[in-house]
Structure formats: structure tokens, C-alpha cells
């Protein structure tokens, strides 16, 4: 290895990624996980007692905007199988059908890598080789039938790493990594259990003075009944024949080397806001729907005696001005809460479209390829990155076996799916949301997006347009934007 210098881990970027991943993890876990993390994302009011707060949390339900959006994103490129173009050495063919030695084929493995990267901003793939006689080596691969395989590592499981920079080329080279993983072990004669392990890899390095540090691996097992305490169970030489480590990050929103934050964080924050607003609205609605019987003018004796209720019941009072009446809310506050909740949902719908929107309007597929990917939609860039990472993994697998792969080899993740190629396409999608029954977005929100995307002039009075559209719809029983005479509240600001 050429002369190199150490690179410090960017702690600020790392900590930001950890905090963001905690939010993503809670939202991915759905209603149950959000209730478990209630005090983080649904604060207890200063004078709200614990029992009332517990009941409020138990009546809160998460709208899965983040997971629905991520599912739509991941479904597009992996609606078809990952394909390999070019001649592949026969010894690497088994990776296609059993990529991780656990039964996942290349498409299934690639989907995990892509989905984990979309949620967390980065995911990792280690190209590993089975241990032989306590050492990681490819020496017996022909006689033993062993081969390289891919290991999936999530951003949540990556504990620490170190890089060096090649002093001549400026290339960053990963030389150390430590991460968590779960392994299944037998638990008695009839059961299995999951056990936490920590793996450590140290690549062979040469410092500026020419001193060589040999590659090593370590495996630490968490002690039974001692959570958080680990014992070294296995160690040996790490004989990877390439430079650094065969560890490859897949980025969707990189902030540094091995650090990233989710490209869906804006949507995640909106989802948290909707969770809180919906919880408040549900609690307010519960009490607003309760009709309260009030009594005035009763004597202390009559109050102590109580009232008779139900069919045929009769109550007599000494005070001729005594009154019984039912009291219920007017609902004005509830309506405002409902609108607030729906406006947040509309904003989440719009944020969910962004990964499919090209950076520039009205570009053809040909012009996109000829302008250095400047007009790519985010999902296109992610697909291209995923293809490159899987290709790097195959080349690393070849390095383990001493096989040089052909230059024209390609790993292709499907990318020929429909995008929102122009601002007009965005508005068309919004119109579809508008035409849903019930409407997913209101008319004013749609018109504001038309202004933002240049379909309407910036001087357009969207409130006046919405009011005119309502008047027209009352006469025509419908209209261009799906406005009906019974649609209330379209004149309100989104």
C-alpha cells in the first residue's frame, strides 16, 4: 500500500445520523413502536397526570406515510430482477442465486441494500469469505467448495471504522470496521435463540515508515445473562488479498465517509407532526362526542339522592326554576384540528413525490444521459449507485478467488420505470390526489403547487380561483379539478 495518513471519524455527522436513524426506526416500527417511544415523540403535557397520558398514548395511531413512501420507492427498481451483463467466471455464478449463503438471491439482497439505504441514507455490504482453519483465506476454495459471499450491514449496526488516504492518489481506503450482528444458536434440544455478536476487521496496512501491520479479524459474543458484555471467542489472520477492506457503502444522502442521513427526513418530521396532531385531535374528538347532562337549581339533598334516567324516569325538584339539559360542543375547534391534520397529510403526499421528480423540467431520456446525470430524479441516482456498488462487490469476490472480471461486466438494477419527468407531471399527480374520494389534497393546495411549478402565474390569486371554481362546480356538478358542490373548506389556506 502506498504511503498514507489517518482520517478521523466525522463525529458531528455521525451523531446527526444516529439521531435521525432513531426517528426513522420508530416510524418504521409503526403504531406499536411509536407508542413505546411515546415520551420522545408525543410529549406529556406539564399538568397531565400519568394515567391520562397513558390513555392518550393508547388511543394514538400512526399514519404510515414514511413506510408507504419508502415502499413505493423500493418497489420501482426491484419490480424486475437484477441482471448481470457480460461473461462471469463460473465460480462466481452461485452468488446470483444465493448471495449471502442464507438463501437470498441477488435481487432480494439488492432490495435490502437499497431499502436500508433509502431509510438511513447509507447501508453497507461486506464481501466475505468463509473461515478455513481459523483463517480467512481463499486457499482451499477449489477443493473445499467454498466461495465469497455478501454480508448485509445496516447503518444502525455499524459501530466504528477507520480510513486512510493514499498520499499519491487521494483515494480513501477503509482499513478498520467494527459492527454488530445477530446469529442463531441452538437453545436446548428443541429451540433456537438469537445471540448478539460483534465482528472486527483490521486490514493489512503499511505506514509512512514502511512498517507493516498484518490484517486481523475478531469475533466477540455477548455473554449470557450479561447484556452489553462481550467475550472474545475467535481471532486470526485476515488474508484479504486486495487493498483495505472489501467493505462497500451504498449512499442515498451522503454527509461524509460512511456517514449519511435519510433522504426522507423531511417526510419523517412531517410524519411525527401528523402523529402528534392526530393524537391531539383524536383525544379532543373523544370528549367532544360525549354529551353532558347538566343540572341547575337542585338542593343538596336532591344532588345527594341523584337523578333517575331512562325511559319512563321522572324527577321532581323543590325549586321551580331547576333545570336539566344536555350540553355538547359546537365543534368549531374540532373542525380546525381536522383541517390542520389534513393539511399535514397533504404536505406528506407532496414530499412523497420528490424522489420521482427530475431536477430539471422537460428533459428527454436521451438528453439526461448526455448531460452527466444533471437531470436525474433522486431515485435514478440511487439506482445507478446501487448498480455500481453491486458491481464493486462482484469484483471484490473475484479478488478473493484471484479472478479478474472483464471490463465490460455490468450489474443492472432496473431503471426504466416512469418518472415525474416535468413539472407538468407533478401537477398531474397532484390532480390525481385531488380526484380521490375523499380528496387527498384540497383545491387551494393544488393551485399553490401549480403556482410553484410555473403552471400558474405567481400573481395568481389562488383563493379567488378556488372560490370561482366552487361557484362554477355548483352549477356544473363537477369541474376540471374534481370540485363538487358538497366539498367544504376549499377556500381555506393550505
Protein backbone atom coordinates (compact mmCIF):
# COMPACT_ATOMS: atom_id res chain seq x y z
CA UNK A 1 0.00 0.00 0.00
CA UNK A 2 1.22 3.50 -0.78
CA UNK A 3 2.15 5.99 1.91
CA UNK A 4 -0.98 7.00 3.77
CA UNK A 5 -2.36 9.16 6.55
CA UNK A 6 -5.19 8.52 9.03
CA UNK A 7 -8.61 10.07 8.64
CA UNK A 8 -10.63 10.93 11.75
CA UNK A 9 -14.26 9.83 12.02
CA UNK A 10 -16.54 12.88 11.48
CA UNK A 11 -18.23 12.76 14.86
CA UNK A 12 -20.76 15.56 14.22
CA UNK A 13 -22.03 13.92 11.03
CA UNK A 14 -22.06 10.52 12.74
CA UNK A 15 -24.10 11.77 15.71
CA UNK A 16 -26.59 13.52 13.42
CA UNK A 17 -27.05 10.27 11.52
CA UNK A 18 -27.65 8.32 14.75
CA UNK A 19 -30.31 10.80 15.92
CA UNK A 20 -32.07 10.73 12.55
CA UNK A 21 -32.00 6.93 12.39
CA UNK A 22 -33.71 6.75 15.78
CA UNK A 23 -36.64 8.69 14.33
CA UNK A 24 -36.71 6.56 11.19
CA UNK A 25 -36.59 3.36 13.24
CA UNK A 26 -39.54 4.43 15.40
CA UNK A 27 -41.64 5.37 12.36
CA UNK A 28 -40.76 2.11 10.61
CA UNK A 29 -41.99 0.23 13.66
CA UNK A 30 -45.49 1.66 13.22
CA UNK A 31 -48.02 2.42 15.93
CA UNK A 32 -46.55 -0.05 18.42
CA UNK A 33 -43.02 1.40 18.21
CA UNK A 34 -44.29 4.98 18.36
CA UNK A 35 -46.28 4.19 21.49
CA UNK A 36 -43.20 2.60 23.04
CA UNK A 37 -41.21 5.76 22.26
CA UNK A 38 -44.11 7.97 23.31
CA UNK A 39 -42.17 10.36 25.55
CA UNK A 40 -39.76 11.10 22.69
CA UNK A 41 -42.37 11.87 20.03
CA UNK A 42 -45.59 12.56 21.96
CA UNK A 43 -44.65 14.73 24.94
CA UNK A 44 -46.64 14.61 28.16
CA UNK A 45 -48.28 17.95 28.97
CA UNK A 46 -46.93 19.74 32.09
CA UNK A 47 -50.05 19.13 34.22
CA UNK A 48 -51.25 15.93 32.52
CA UNK A 49 -51.27 13.09 35.07
CA UNK A 50 -49.65 9.78 34.17
CA UNK A 51 -52.87 7.79 33.79
CA UNK A 52 -54.44 10.33 31.42
CA UNK A 53 -51.22 10.42 29.42
CA UNK A 54 -51.14 6.60 29.24
CA UNK A 55 -54.71 6.57 27.94
CA UNK A 56 -53.90 9.27 25.36
CA UNK A 57 -50.93 7.30 24.07
CA UNK A 58 -53.01 4.11 23.91
CA UNK A 59 -55.58 5.95 21.74
CA UNK A 60 -52.95 7.29 19.29
CA UNK A 61 -52.43 5.68 15.88
CA UNK A 62 -49.67 6.34 13.32
CA UNK A 63 -50.47 7.11 9.70
CA UNK A 64 -47.69 5.20 7.82
CA UNK A 65 -46.65 7.98 5.42
CA UNK A 66 -42.90 7.24 5.67
CA UNK A 67 -43.16 3.48 5.18
CA UNK A 68 -45.72 3.85 2.38
CA UNK A 69 -43.41 6.23 0.52
CA UNK A 70 -40.34 4.05 1.02
CA UNK A 71 -42.27 1.01 -0.22
CA UNK A 72 -43.25 2.88 -3.40
CA UNK A 73 -39.63 3.95 -3.95
CA UNK A 74 -38.16 0.47 -3.47
CA UNK A 75 -40.88 -1.27 -5.49
CA UNK A 76 -39.98 0.56 -8.73
CA UNK A 77 -36.38 -0.64 -9.33
CA UNK A 78 -36.99 -4.09 -7.85
CA UNK A 79 -40.17 -4.86 -9.77
CA UNK A 80 -37.77 -6.80 -12.04
CA UNK A 81 -34.77 -8.98 -11.32
CA UNK A 82 -31.26 -7.58 -11.05
CA UNK A 83 -29.43 -8.66 -14.21
CA UNK A 84 -25.76 -9.41 -14.95
CA UNK A 85 -24.40 -8.36 -18.36
CA UNK A 86 -21.14 -9.92 -19.53
CA UNK A 87 -19.15 -13.10 -19.01
CA UNK A 88 -18.95 -14.17 -15.38
CA UNK A 89 -16.49 -16.71 -14.04
CA UNK A 90 -18.33 -19.93 -13.21
CA UNK A 91 -17.08 -19.85 -9.62
CA UNK A 92 -18.98 -16.57 -9.08
CA UNK A 93 -22.26 -17.78 -10.60
CA UNK A 94 -23.61 -19.18 -7.26
CA UNK A 95 -23.64 -15.62 -5.84
CA UNK A 96 -26.51 -14.82 -8.20
CA UNK A 97 -28.85 -17.38 -6.61
CA UNK A 98 -27.51 -17.48 -3.04
CA UNK A 99 -25.86 -14.13 -2.44
CA UNK A 100 -25.48 -14.23 1.35
CA UNK A 101 -25.28 -18.02 1.96
CA UNK A 102 -28.69 -17.68 3.64
CA UNK A 103 -30.83 -18.21 0.55
CA UNK A 104 -31.26 -14.61 -0.65
CA UNK A 105 -30.74 -14.19 -4.39
CA UNK A 106 -29.08 -11.11 -5.89
CA UNK A 107 -32.38 -9.27 -6.38
CA UNK A 108 -33.56 -9.90 -2.82
CA UNK A 109 -30.18 -8.88 -1.41
CA UNK A 110 -30.05 -5.79 -3.61
CA UNK A 111 -33.54 -4.81 -2.50
CA UNK A 112 -32.45 -4.98 1.16
CA UNK A 113 -29.36 -2.86 0.44
CA UNK A 114 -31.46 -0.29 -1.45
CA UNK A 115 -34.29 -0.13 1.10
CA UNK A 116 -31.88 0.19 4.05
CA UNK A 117 -30.09 2.98 2.19
CA UNK A 118 -33.33 4.82 1.42
CA UNK A 119 -34.36 4.74 5.06
CA UNK A 120 -30.97 5.55 6.63
CA UNK A 121 -29.02 7.32 3.91
CA UNK A 122 -26.41 4.54 3.77
CA UNK A 123 -26.12 0.76 4.01
CA UNK A 124 -23.04 -1.47 3.77
CA UNK A 125 -22.02 -4.67 2.02
CA UNK A 126 -19.00 -6.71 3.10
CA UNK A 127 -17.67 -9.26 0.62
CA UNK A 128 -16.60 -12.03 2.96
CA UNK A 129 -15.02 -15.46 2.67
CA UNK A 130 -15.72 -18.46 4.93
CA UNK A 131 -13.13 -19.08 7.63
CA UNK A 132 -10.87 -22.05 6.96
CA UNK A 133 -8.77 -23.49 9.81
CA UNK A 134 -9.10 -20.29 11.85
CA UNK A 135 -8.00 -18.06 9.00
CA UNK A 136 -9.94 -16.19 6.35
CA UNK A 137 -8.34 -17.38 3.14
CA UNK A 138 -9.27 -18.49 -0.34
CA UNK A 139 -6.51 -21.12 -0.40
CA UNK A 140 -8.82 -24.15 -0.36
CA UNK A 141 -11.71 -22.73 -2.41
CA UNK A 142 -11.31 -25.22 -5.25
CA UNK A 143 -11.11 -28.39 -3.14
CA UNK A 144 -13.39 -27.24 -0.32
CA UNK A 145 -16.16 -25.81 -2.49
CA UNK A 146 -16.26 -22.58 -0.50
CA UNK A 147 -16.74 -19.20 -2.18
CA UNK A 148 -17.13 -15.49 -1.39
CA UNK A 149 -20.50 -14.19 -0.25
CA UNK A 150 -22.09 -10.82 0.56
CA UNK A 151 -22.85 -9.69 4.11
CA UNK A 152 -25.53 -7.04 4.70
CA UNK A 153 -24.70 -4.46 7.39
CA UNK A 154 -27.19 -1.76 8.34
CA UNK A 155 -26.14 1.73 9.41
CA UNK A 156 -27.61 1.00 12.86
CA UNK A 157 -25.23 -1.94 13.29
CA UNK A 158 -22.02 -0.19 12.20
CA UNK A 159 -20.18 0.74 15.42
CA UNK A 160 -16.89 2.18 14.26
CA UNK A 161 -14.47 2.44 11.33
CA UNK A 162 -11.23 3.99 10.20
CA UNK A 163 -9.89 5.10 6.85
CA UNK A 164 -6.56 6.10 5.40
CA UNK A 165 -5.94 8.37 2.45
CA UNK A 166 -3.49 7.27 -0.22
CA UNK A 167 -0.90 10.05 -0.24
CA UNK A 168 -0.36 9.70 -4.01
CA UNK A 169 -3.89 9.26 -5.35
CA UNK A 170 -6.01 10.84 -2.59
CA UNK A 171 -8.18 7.71 -2.51
CA UNK A 172 -9.91 6.93 0.79
CA UNK A 173 -9.33 3.34 1.81
CA UNK A 174 -11.27 1.58 4.56
CA UNK A 175 -8.86 -0.28 6.86
CA UNK A 176 -10.87 -1.00 10.01
CA UNK A 177 -14.52 -1.77 10.76
CA UNK A 178 -16.48 -2.97 13.77
CA UNK A 179 -20.17 -3.85 13.65
CA UNK A 180 -22.92 -5.76 15.41
CA UNK A 181 -24.68 -8.81 14.04
CA UNK A 182 -27.13 -11.43 15.26
CA UNK A 183 -26.55 -15.15 14.95
CA UNK A 184 -28.96 -18.00 15.59
CA UNK A 185 -27.76 -20.63 18.05
CA UNK A 186 -29.40 -23.73 19.47
CA UNK A 187 -31.12 -23.32 22.81
CA UNK A 188 -31.56 -26.78 24.21
CA UNK A 189 -32.83 -29.71 22.13
CA UNK A 190 -35.90 -28.09 20.60
CA UNK A 191 -35.38 -24.34 20.37
CA UNK A 192 -33.15 -21.67 18.86
CA UNK A 193 -32.16 -18.26 20.14
CA UNK A 194 -30.64 -15.10 18.67
CA UNK A 195 -27.30 -14.05 20.13
CA UNK A 196 -25.53 -10.71 19.66
CA UNK A 197 -22.02 -10.76 18.25
CA UNK A 198 -19.52 -8.05 17.35
CA UNK A 199 -17.16 -8.55 14.43
CA UNK A 200 -13.92 -6.64 13.94
CA UNK A 201 -11.82 -6.47 10.77
CA UNK A 202 -8.39 -4.86 10.52
CA UNK A 203 -6.86 -4.71 7.03
CA UNK A 204 -3.18 -5.04 6.29
CA UNK A 205 -1.63 -1.57 6.35
CA UNK A 206 1.77 -0.03 5.69
CA UNK A 207 2.61 3.31 7.31
CA UNK A 208 4.89 6.05 6.00
CA UNK A 209 7.90 4.42 7.69
CA UNK A 210 7.26 1.18 5.85
CA UNK A 211 6.06 -0.66 8.95
CA UNK A 212 3.56 -3.41 8.16
CA UNK A 213 0.52 -4.18 10.29
CA UNK A 214 -0.95 -7.53 9.34
CA UNK A 215 -4.67 -7.98 8.84
CA UNK A 216 -6.67 -9.48 11.72
CA UNK A 217 -10.24 -10.46 12.48
CA UNK A 218 -12.01 -10.83 15.83
CA UNK A 219 -15.40 -12.22 16.85
CA UNK A 220 -16.91 -11.26 20.20
CA UNK A 221 -20.01 -12.96 21.66
CA UNK A 222 -22.34 -11.27 24.13
CA UNK A 223 -22.27 -13.10 27.47
CA UNK A 224 -25.39 -14.96 28.52
CA UNK A 225 -27.24 -13.01 31.23
CA UNK A 226 -24.73 -10.14 30.90
CA UNK A 227 -26.25 -7.77 28.40
CA UNK A 228 -23.66 -5.45 26.89
CA UNK A 229 -20.66 -7.53 27.98
CA UNK A 230 -18.79 -9.48 25.31
CA UNK A 231 -16.10 -12.17 25.33
CA UNK A 232 -13.58 -12.73 22.52
CA UNK A 233 -14.40 -16.11 21.01
CA UNK A 234 -12.36 -16.22 17.81
CA UNK A 235 -9.45 -14.36 16.23
CA UNK A 236 -6.95 -14.92 13.46
CA UNK A 237 -5.26 -13.57 10.35
CA UNK A 238 -7.37 -11.72 7.84
CA UNK A 239 -5.90 -12.60 4.47
CA UNK A 240 -7.91 -10.45 2.08
CA UNK A 241 -5.62 -10.08 -0.96
CA UNK A 242 -6.89 -6.65 -2.01
CA UNK A 243 -6.33 -3.13 -0.67
CA UNK A 244 -8.05 -2.04 2.52
CA UNK A 245 -11.27 -3.93 3.31
CA UNK A 246 -13.83 -5.28 0.83
CA UNK A 247 -16.49 -3.13 2.52
CA UNK A 248 -18.70 -1.03 0.27
CA UNK A 249 -21.18 1.69 1.30
CA UNK A 250 -24.35 2.36 -0.68
CA UNK A 251 -25.30 6.03 -0.26
CA UNK A 252 -28.55 7.86 -0.94
CA UNK A 253 -27.74 11.02 1.06
CA UNK A 254 -24.04 11.09 1.95
CA UNK A 255 -22.72 13.53 4.55
CA UNK A 256 -19.19 12.11 4.75
CA UNK A 257 -17.23 8.85 4.52
CA UNK A 258 -19.54 6.19 5.94
CA UNK A 259 -21.87 8.90 7.31
CA UNK A 260 -25.26 9.87 5.91
CA UNK A 261 -28.75 10.91 6.83
CA UNK A 262 -32.03 9.72 5.38
CA UNK A 263 -33.21 11.45 2.19
CA UNK A 264 -36.70 11.09 3.66
CA UNK A 265 -36.04 13.10 6.83
CA UNK A 266 -38.33 15.98 5.82
CA UNK A 267 -41.12 13.46 5.35
CA UNK A 268 -40.21 11.78 8.65
CA UNK A 269 -40.53 15.07 10.56
CA UNK A 270 -43.91 15.69 8.91
CA UNK A 271 -44.97 12.18 9.90
CA UNK A 272 -44.04 12.97 13.51
CA UNK A 273 -46.04 16.20 13.30
CA UNK A 274 -49.05 14.29 11.95
CA UNK A 275 -48.70 11.69 14.74
CA UNK A 276 -48.86 14.44 17.36
CA UNK A 277 -51.66 16.38 15.68
CA UNK A 278 -53.74 13.27 15.07
CA UNK A 279 -53.30 12.24 18.71
CA UNK A 280 -54.50 15.64 19.94
CA UNK A 281 -57.42 15.58 17.51
CA UNK A 282 -58.49 12.06 18.50
CA UNK A 283 -58.45 12.96 22.19
CA UNK A 284 -60.40 16.18 21.59
CA UNK A 285 -62.89 14.32 19.41
CA UNK A 286 -63.44 11.69 22.07
CA UNK A 287 -64.51 14.25 24.66
CA UNK A 288 -66.40 16.40 22.16
CA UNK A 289 -68.62 13.45 21.25
CA UNK A 290 -69.65 12.98 24.87
CA UNK A 291 -72.96 14.70 25.57
CA UNK A 292 -73.01 16.01 29.16
CA UNK A 293 -76.15 16.24 31.28
CA UNK A 294 -76.09 19.38 33.45
CA UNK A 295 -78.45 20.31 36.26
CA UNK A 296 -79.05 23.72 37.88
CA UNK A 297 -81.18 24.78 40.86
CA UNK A 298 -81.03 21.45 42.75
CA UNK A 299 -80.89 21.29 46.53
CA UNK A 300 -78.04 19.49 48.30
CA UNK A 301 -80.44 16.70 49.22
CA UNK A 302 -81.56 16.26 45.60
CA UNK A 303 -77.94 16.16 44.42
CA UNK A 304 -77.09 13.52 47.02
CA UNK A 305 -80.13 11.46 46.09
CA UNK A 306 -79.19 11.53 42.42
CA UNK A 307 -81.27 11.57 39.23
CA UNK A 308 -83.38 8.96 37.55
CA UNK A 309 -82.53 8.49 33.88
CA UNK A 310 -84.02 6.40 31.08
CA UNK A 311 -87.43 5.78 29.55
CA UNK A 312 -90.27 6.48 31.95
CA UNK A 313 -87.98 8.10 34.52
CA UNK A 314 -89.42 11.05 36.46
CA UNK A 315 -87.58 13.65 38.53
CA UNK A 316 -89.32 16.22 40.77
CA UNK A 317 -87.49 19.23 42.24
CA UNK A 318 -88.42 21.62 45.03
CA UNK A 319 -87.04 24.62 43.17
CA UNK A 320 -89.47 25.60 40.38
CA UNK A 321 -86.54 27.06 38.39
CA UNK A 322 -84.47 23.85 38.50
CA UNK A 323 -83.40 22.73 35.05
CA UNK A 324 -81.89 19.65 33.35
CA UNK A 325 -80.28 20.00 29.94
CA UNK A 326 -77.79 18.24 27.65
CA UNK A 327 -74.64 20.16 26.68
CA UNK A 328 -72.42 19.40 23.70
CA UNK A 329 -69.55 21.15 21.91
CA UNK A 330 -70.18 23.38 18.90
CA UNK A 331 -67.33 21.60 17.03
CA UNK A 332 -65.57 24.77 15.85
CA UNK A 333 -62.26 23.75 17.43
CA UNK A 334 -62.61 20.22 16.12
CA UNK A 335 -63.00 21.48 12.57
CA UNK A 336 -59.80 23.48 12.85
CA UNK A 337 -58.00 20.44 14.22
CA UNK A 338 -59.30 18.29 11.37
CA UNK A 339 -58.10 20.82 8.80
CA UNK A 340 -54.67 21.02 10.41
CA UNK A 341 -54.35 17.24 10.38
CA UNK A 342 -55.39 17.02 6.72
CA UNK A 343 -53.04 19.83 5.67
CA UNK A 344 -50.09 17.92 7.15
CA UNK A 345 -51.21 14.81 5.30
CA UNK A 346 -51.33 16.80 2.05
CA UNK A 347 -47.79 18.04 2.65
CA UNK A 348 -46.64 14.45 3.22
CA UNK A 349 -48.21 13.39 -0.07
CA UNK A 350 -46.29 16.11 -1.90
CA UNK A 351 -42.99 15.26 -0.15
CA UNK A 352 -43.50 11.64 -1.16
CA UNK A 353 -43.41 12.64 -4.83
CA UNK A 354 -39.99 14.33 -4.66
CA UNK A 355 -37.78 11.23 -5.22
CA UNK A 356 -39.51 10.73 -8.59
CA UNK A 357 -39.05 14.32 -9.80
CA UNK A 358 -36.25 15.15 -12.20
CA UNK A 359 -34.01 18.07 -11.30
CA UNK A 360 -34.88 19.97 -14.49
CA UNK A 361 -38.11 20.22 -16.39
CA UNK A 362 -38.93 18.79 -19.80
CA UNK A 363 -35.87 16.62 -20.35
CA UNK A 364 -35.84 13.50 -22.50
CA UNK A 365 -34.13 10.27 -21.54
CA UNK A 366 -31.50 10.86 -24.23
CA UNK A 367 -30.67 14.37 -23.05
CA UNK A 368 -30.47 13.15 -19.48
CA UNK A 369 -27.73 10.67 -20.32
CA UNK A 370 -25.80 13.27 -22.28
CA UNK A 371 -25.68 15.89 -19.50
CA UNK A 372 -23.75 13.95 -16.83
CA UNK A 373 -26.87 12.94 -14.92
CA UNK A 374 -27.70 16.57 -14.03
CA UNK A 375 -31.38 15.98 -14.78
CA UNK A 376 -31.71 12.75 -12.81
CA UNK A 377 -34.51 12.21 -10.37
CA UNK A 378 -33.15 11.18 -6.95
CA UNK A 379 -34.38 7.60 -7.42
CA UNK A 380 -32.42 7.34 -10.67
CA UNK A 381 -29.21 8.39 -8.94
CA UNK A 382 -29.85 5.82 -6.20
CA UNK A 383 -30.45 3.05 -8.76
CA UNK A 384 -27.21 3.93 -10.57
CA UNK A 385 -25.33 3.89 -7.25
CA UNK A 386 -26.84 0.52 -6.33
CA UNK A 387 -25.72 -0.98 -9.65
CA UNK A 388 -22.18 0.34 -9.11
CA UNK A 389 -21.95 -0.99 -5.56
CA UNK A 390 -23.11 -4.48 -6.59
CA UNK A 391 -20.53 -4.44 -9.39
CA UNK A 392 -17.80 -3.48 -6.91
CA UNK A 393 -18.91 -6.38 -4.72
CA UNK A 394 -18.61 -8.83 -7.62
CA UNK A 395 -15.15 -7.53 -8.44
CA UNK A 396 -14.14 -7.98 -4.78
CA UNK A 397 -15.48 -11.54 -4.90
CA UNK A 398 -13.26 -12.10 -7.92
CA UNK A 399 -10.28 -10.70 -5.98
CA UNK A 400 -10.87 -13.26 -3.23
CA UNK A 401 -10.56 -16.01 -5.87
CA UNK A 402 -7.75 -14.40 -7.87
CA UNK A 403 -10.14 -13.87 -10.80
CA UNK A 404 -10.09 -10.64 -12.78
CA UNK A 405 -13.55 -9.81 -14.11
CA UNK A 406 -13.97 -8.41 -17.64
CA UNK A 407 -14.09 -4.64 -18.01
CA UNK A 408 -17.46 -4.75 -19.77
CA UNK A 409 -19.18 -6.63 -16.92
CA UNK A 410 -22.28 -4.79 -15.73
CA UNK A 411 -24.75 -5.30 -12.87
CA UNK A 412 -28.03 -3.65 -13.79
CA UNK A 413 -30.80 -2.67 -11.40
CA UNK A 414 -33.99 -1.90 -13.35
CA UNK A 415 -34.31 1.82 -14.05
CA UNK A 416 -36.74 2.14 -16.98
CA UNK A 417 -39.74 2.95 -14.82
CA UNK A 418 -41.95 6.01 -15.18
CA UNK A 419 -40.76 9.19 -13.51
CA UNK A 420 -42.21 12.62 -12.98
CA UNK A 421 -40.25 13.98 -15.90
CA UNK A 422 -41.54 17.55 -15.75
CA UNK A 423 -43.37 19.98 -13.51
CA UNK A 424 -46.48 19.24 -15.52
CA UNK A 425 -46.18 15.58 -14.48
CA UNK A 426 -46.06 16.67 -10.84
CA UNK A 427 -49.26 18.66 -11.22
CA UNK A 428 -50.90 15.69 -12.98
CA UNK A 429 -50.06 13.52 -9.96
CA UNK A 430 -51.48 16.16 -7.63
CA UNK A 431 -54.68 16.29 -9.69
CA UNK A 432 -54.97 12.51 -9.25
CA UNK A 433 -54.65 13.01 -5.48
CA UNK A 434 -57.26 15.74 -5.71
CA UNK A 435 -59.68 13.50 -7.59
CA UNK A 436 -59.57 10.73 -4.99
CA UNK A 437 -62.73 10.23 -2.97
CA UNK A 438 -62.38 11.59 -0.36
CA UNK A 439 -59.92 14.17 -1.67
CA UNK A 440 -56.29 13.57 -0.61
CA UNK A 441 -55.50 17.29 -1.07
CA UNK A 442 -57.69 20.39 -1.18
CA UNK A 443 -58.06 22.71 -4.17
CA UNK A 444 -56.05 25.58 -2.71
CA UNK A 445 -53.07 23.26 -2.07
CA UNK A 446 -53.29 22.06 -5.68
CA UNK A 447 -53.40 25.62 -7.02
CA UNK A 448 -50.45 26.68 -4.87
CA UNK A 449 -48.43 23.80 -6.31
CA UNK A 450 -49.46 24.93 -9.81
CA UNK A 451 -48.00 28.36 -9.00
CA UNK A 452 -44.83 26.86 -7.50
CA UNK A 453 -44.29 24.70 -10.59
CA UNK A 454 -44.90 27.53 -13.06
CA UNK A 455 -48.25 26.28 -14.35
CA UNK A 456 -49.98 29.39 -12.97
CA UNK A 457 -48.56 32.88 -12.66
CA UNK A 458 -47.01 33.91 -9.33
CA UNK A 459 -49.53 36.76 -9.29
CA UNK A 460 -52.45 34.33 -9.42
CA UNK A 461 -54.93 34.71 -6.53
CA UNK A 462 -55.45 31.06 -5.63
CA UNK A 463 -58.16 31.85 -3.08
CA UNK A 464 -60.18 33.72 -5.72
CA UNK A 465 -59.63 30.94 -8.26
CA UNK A 466 -60.79 28.33 -5.75
CA UNK A 467 -63.89 30.37 -4.89
CA UNK A 468 -64.72 30.79 -8.59
CA UNK A 469 -64.21 27.06 -9.17
CA UNK A 470 -66.63 26.25 -6.36
CA UNK A 471 -69.27 28.55 -7.79
CA UNK A 472 -68.83 27.02 -11.21
CA UNK A 473 -68.94 23.48 -9.82
CA UNK A 474 -72.25 24.15 -8.10
CA UNK A 475 -73.73 24.93 -11.49
CA UNK A 476 -71.97 22.19 -13.50
CA UNK A 477 -71.89 19.40 -10.83
CA UNK A 478 -68.14 18.91 -11.18
CA UNK A 479 -65.16 20.53 -12.81
CA UNK A 480 -61.64 20.23 -14.09
CA UNK A 481 -60.12 19.71 -10.63
CA UNK A 482 -62.78 17.39 -9.29
CA UNK A 483 -64.61 20.09 -7.29
CA UNK A 484 -68.09 19.17 -6.17
CA UNK A 485 -70.79 21.26 -4.63
CA UNK A 486 -70.54 19.40 -1.32
CA UNK A 487 -66.78 19.95 -0.89
CA UNK A 488 -66.42 22.28 2.08
CA UNK A 489 -63.35 24.22 3.08
CA UNK A 490 -61.54 24.51 -0.28
CA UNK A 491 -61.28 28.24 0.17
CA UNK A 492 -59.18 27.82 3.32
CA UNK A 493 -55.44 28.32 3.09
CA UNK A 494 -53.46 25.13 3.00
